Amino acid sequence: MIKLPASSQDGITFRNPTVEDGGSMWRVVRDSGVLDLNSAYMYLLLAKDFGDTCVVAEHAGSVVGFVTGYRPPHRPDSIFLWQVGVDASMRGRGVGKRLLAAFLNSDGARGASMLETTISPSNEASRALFSAVARDLETDIRTTTCFTEDHFPEAGHEAEELYFIGPFDPDRPHKLTL
């Protein structure tokens, strides 16, 4: 696993997760009150089987944020970012954007020239974050419908729009930094 560099300013390190981090990732989501909470088992599997396309942020020995993602099997030039979570104690410090930088610089994203994610229409914070990422990557965003409200079995789940950010040169250094 790749160990990503620490921030020199605040001691936050970015690294790929291990199974031992799955529970902490789940707790960040649970405690956020806004992210879709999946089973703890799902976060354990993501850390175990998709650790090369996931990143955790660690501060003082605790997981304070994470990104989960994967390489879509039929779109080898893409890296799909599934979920970003940042502990309330770390919000407003740029940890989310730094997690995305670590995610795009991870071994699991190597060779990807397109970043994909889904965002619900009311999630202004995520839209702003990914707009900033597109600016830093000097590329465009294209959106399309991914899942409608009717696709979700539970009432009240918003639609999810699919964002395509790119293409960008995966070999060119970009402005996203840790």
Protein backbone atom coordinates (compact mmCIF):
# COMPACT_ATOMS: atom_id res chain seq x y z
CA MET A 1 0.00 0.00 0.00
CA ILE A 2 1.13 3.49 -0.77
CA LYS A 3 1.75 5.85 2.11
CA LEU A 4 0.78 9.31 0.98
CA PRO A 5 2.69 12.30 2.38
CA ALA A 6 1.63 14.14 5.51
CA SER A 7 0.60 17.75 5.53
CA SER A 8 3.44 19.79 7.00
CA GLN A 9 0.99 22.26 8.53
CA ASP A 10 -1.34 20.19 10.66
CA GLY A 11 -0.04 16.63 10.99
CA ILE A 12 -2.82 15.03 8.94
CA THR A 13 -1.60 11.99 7.04
CA PHE A 14 -3.28 10.38 4.05
CA ARG A 15 -2.96 6.67 3.39
CA ASN A 16 -4.82 3.73 1.99
CA PRO A 17 -7.07 2.07 4.59
CA THR A 18 -6.72 -1.34 6.18
CA VAL A 19 -9.52 -3.53 7.50
CA GLU A 20 -8.87 -2.01 10.93
CA ASP A 21 -10.03 1.37 9.52
CA GLY A 22 -13.42 0.11 8.29
CA GLY A 23 -15.17 0.74 11.61
CA SER A 24 -13.76 4.25 11.85
CA MET A 25 -14.93 5.04 8.32
CA TRP A 26 -18.42 3.83 9.27
CA ARG A 27 -18.38 6.02 12.42
CA VAL A 28 -17.44 9.14 10.41
CA VAL A 29 -20.47 8.52 8.19
CA ARG A 30 -22.80 7.74 11.10
CA ASP A 31 -21.73 10.81 13.03
CA SER A 32 -22.05 13.11 10.01
CA GLY A 33 -25.83 12.84 10.06
CA VAL A 34 -25.97 13.65 6.34
CA LEU A 35 -24.15 10.90 4.46
CA ASP A 36 -25.85 7.67 3.43
CA LEU A 37 -24.93 5.20 6.16
CA ASN A 38 -24.15 1.78 4.77
CA SER A 39 -23.48 -1.28 6.88
CA ALA A 40 -20.21 -1.48 8.81
CA TYR A 41 -19.59 -4.66 6.79
CA MET A 42 -19.55 -2.58 3.58
CA TYR A 43 -16.81 -0.28 4.91
CA LEU A 44 -14.80 -3.29 6.05
CA LEU A 45 -15.07 -4.78 2.54
CA LEU A 46 -14.11 -1.48 0.92
CA ALA A 47 -11.00 -1.24 3.10
CA LYS A 48 -10.13 -4.90 2.49
CA ASP A 49 -10.84 -5.32 -1.23
CA PHE A 50 -10.75 -1.76 -2.59
CA GLY A 51 -8.07 -0.28 -0.32
CA ASP A 52 -6.00 0.85 -3.30
CA THR A 53 -8.88 3.10 -4.45
CA CYS A 54 -9.79 4.38 -0.98
CA VAL A 55 -7.96 6.85 1.26
CA VAL A 56 -8.22 7.74 4.94
CA ALA A 57 -7.10 10.95 6.63
CA GLU A 58 -5.53 10.35 10.02
CA HIS A 59 -4.76 12.83 12.78
CA ALA A 60 -3.25 11.98 16.16
CA GLY A 61 -3.85 8.27 15.56
CA SER A 62 -7.54 8.60 14.63
CA VAL A 63 -9.30 8.42 11.27
CA VAL A 64 -10.81 11.87 10.69
CA GLY A 65 -11.92 11.45 7.10
CA PHE A 66 -12.00 9.12 4.14
CA VAL A 67 -12.75 8.71 0.46
CA THR A 68 -14.09 5.48 -1.03
CA GLY A 69 -13.99 4.67 -4.70
CA TYR A 70 -13.34 2.08 -7.36
CA ARG A 71 -12.37 1.61 -11.00
CA PRO A 72 -15.55 0.91 -13.03
CA PRO A 73 -14.91 -2.38 -14.85
CA HIS A 74 -16.24 -1.15 -18.20
CA ARG A 75 -14.67 2.33 -18.05
CA PRO A 76 -10.94 1.72 -17.46
CA ASP A 77 -10.05 5.41 -17.92
CA SER A 78 -12.32 6.40 -15.02
CA ILE A 79 -12.03 6.43 -11.26
CA PHE A 80 -15.38 6.59 -9.46
CA LEU A 81 -15.50 8.40 -6.12
CA TRP A 82 -18.31 6.89 -4.10
CA GLN A 83 -18.25 8.68 -0.76
CA VAL A 84 -16.30 11.42 1.02
CA GLY A 85 -16.61 11.84 4.77
CA VAL A 86 -14.88 14.29 7.08
CA ASP A 87 -15.23 14.28 10.86
CA ALA A 88 -16.96 17.37 12.24
CA SER A 89 -13.79 18.31 14.15
CA MET A 90 -11.90 18.67 10.85
CA ARG A 91 -14.46 20.45 8.68
CA GLY A 92 -13.52 23.82 7.23
CA ARG A 93 -9.80 22.91 7.04
CA GLY A 94 -9.70 21.74 3.42
CA VAL A 95 -9.52 18.07 4.43
CA GLY A 96 -12.13 17.05 1.84
CA LYS A 97 -10.21 18.58 -1.03
CA ARG A 98 -6.95 17.12 0.27
CA LEU A 99 -8.61 13.70 0.48
CA LEU A 100 -9.58 14.05 -3.19
CA ALA A 101 -5.99 14.97 -4.06
CA ALA A 102 -4.74 11.88 -2.21
CA PHE A 103 -7.42 9.77 -3.93
CA LEU A 104 -6.36 10.99 -7.40
CA ASN A 105 -2.69 10.43 -6.50
CA SER A 106 -3.21 6.92 -5.15
CA ASP A 107 -1.98 3.81 -6.94
CA GLY A 108 -5.59 2.78 -7.55
CA ALA A 109 -6.26 5.92 -9.62
CA ARG A 110 -3.10 5.58 -11.73
CA GLY A 111 -3.90 6.09 -15.41
CA ALA A 112 -7.40 7.49 -14.86
CA SER A 113 -8.22 10.55 -16.94
CA MET A 114 -11.84 10.92 -15.78
CA LEU A 115 -13.21 11.37 -12.26
CA GLU A 116 -16.81 10.28 -11.76
CA THR A 117 -19.11 10.77 -8.79
CA THR A 118 -22.78 11.17 -8.00
CA ILE A 119 -24.21 14.15 -6.14
CA SER A 120 -27.79 14.84 -5.04
CA PRO A 121 -29.18 18.20 -6.25
CA SER A 122 -29.41 19.69 -2.73
CA ASN A 123 -25.79 18.87 -1.80
CA GLU A 124 -24.29 22.29 -2.38
CA ALA A 125 -21.10 21.51 -0.45
CA SER A 126 -20.25 18.56 -2.72
CA ARG A 127 -21.08 20.53 -5.86
CA ALA A 128 -18.75 23.31 -4.70
CA LEU A 129 -16.00 20.83 -3.81
CA PHE A 130 -16.11 19.07 -7.17
CA SER A 131 -16.35 22.38 -9.06
CA ALA A 132 -13.14 23.45 -7.32
CA VAL A 133 -11.52 20.13 -8.22
CA ALA A 134 -12.49 20.59 -11.89
CA ARG A 135 -10.98 24.10 -11.85
CA ASP A 136 -7.77 22.80 -10.29
CA LEU A 137 -7.59 19.99 -12.85
CA GLU A 138 -8.25 22.59 -15.57
CA THR A 139 -11.10 20.56 -17.01
CA ASP A 140 -14.86 20.54 -17.36
CA ILE A 141 -17.80 18.95 -15.59
CA ARG A 142 -20.57 17.19 -17.44
CA THR A 143 -23.65 15.88 -15.63
CA THR A 144 -26.39 13.42 -16.44
CA THR A 145 -29.09 11.63 -14.49
CA CYS A 146 -27.80 8.53 -12.72
CA PHE A 147 -30.54 7.48 -10.30
CA THR A 148 -33.99 9.02 -9.96
CA GLU A 149 -35.96 9.13 -6.71
CA ASP A 150 -37.98 6.16 -8.01
CA HIS A 151 -34.88 3.96 -8.19
CA PHE A 152 -34.47 4.09 -4.40
CA PRO A 153 -36.59 1.66 -2.38
CA GLU A 154 -36.92 4.02 0.59
CA ALA A 155 -39.06 7.14 0.41
CA GLY A 156 -37.36 10.51 0.57
CA HIS A 157 -34.04 9.70 -1.11
CA GLU A 158 -33.08 12.40 -3.57
CA ALA A 159 -32.07 11.73 -7.13
CA GLU A 160 -28.35 11.34 -7.80
CA GLU A 161 -26.75 13.12 -10.73
CA LEU A 162 -23.66 11.56 -12.31
CA TYR A 163 -20.76 14.01 -12.61
CA PHE A 164 -17.99 13.43 -15.13
CA ILE A 165 -14.93 15.56 -14.34
CA GLY A 166 -12.38 15.46 -17.12
CA PRO A 167 -10.74 14.44 -19.17
CA PHE A 168 -7.49 15.40 -17.52
CA ASP A 169 -3.96 14.24 -18.13
CA PRO A 170 -3.30 11.58 -15.49
CA ASP A 171 0.47 11.97 -15.92
CA ARG A 172 0.56 15.75 -15.64
CA PRO A 173 1.06 17.21 -12.18
CA HIS A 174 -2.05 19.13 -11.20
CA LYS A 175 -2.83 21.87 -8.72
CA LEU A 176 -4.58 19.58 -6.25
CA THR A 177 -2.24 19.30 -3.30
CA LEU A 178 -2.08 17.72 0.09
